[in-house]
Amino acid sequence: MIFLKITFLVLICSLLDYTGPFLINLIINYITDSNRTIKTGIFIVIGLITARVLLSIFGARRRLLLAMWGVKTENAVNGMIYEKILRFSLMRSAEHNAGSLVNHIQVDSQRLTYAAWELTNVISLPVTLGIGIYLMWVSVGISFLSGVGIILVMSLINTVFSKIYFK
């Protein structure tokens, strides 16, 4: 259940991140429009402020739920390892010793907390890419494809160099 709440908050935050550019574009169009009314300007500014406040509230809640989920997961793994230690005799095992079990408890279970944070990036990436590509298409037109092409080429080059570096 907590994962569904986190997913929902991640998607809401991803969408609220892009309300700023839309509303700033409305402000620019409002300023350049000769038939503007004060009421329209006030609604745009209230919308911008509301979007930023909601983004702060939902972002804080998302971070809290992520921290809770990560800690619960880490504690569950630590409990399972402690239970294994109590049932398992370290004297009989050649492959497991106290040091490897402490390593699992201190290092490997901490990775689960970090994995919870990174999971939100996996969830929000398609939404962010979709909205970003749409905004580039609307703003620049077909010429944004050259920038996307350069990004893809540089990503491939970066992948090749990172594979060479980490060998």
Foldseek 3Di string as FASTA:
>chain_A
DLVVLLLVLLQLLLVLVPVQVVLVVVVVVQVPDPPHDVVVVVVSVVVNVVSVVVSVVSVVVSVVSLQVVLVVQLVVQLVVLVVVPVVDDQVPDPVDHPVVSVCCNPPVSNVSSVVSVVVSCVSSVVVNVVVVVVVCCVPPNPVCVVVVVVVVVVVVVVVVVVVVVVD
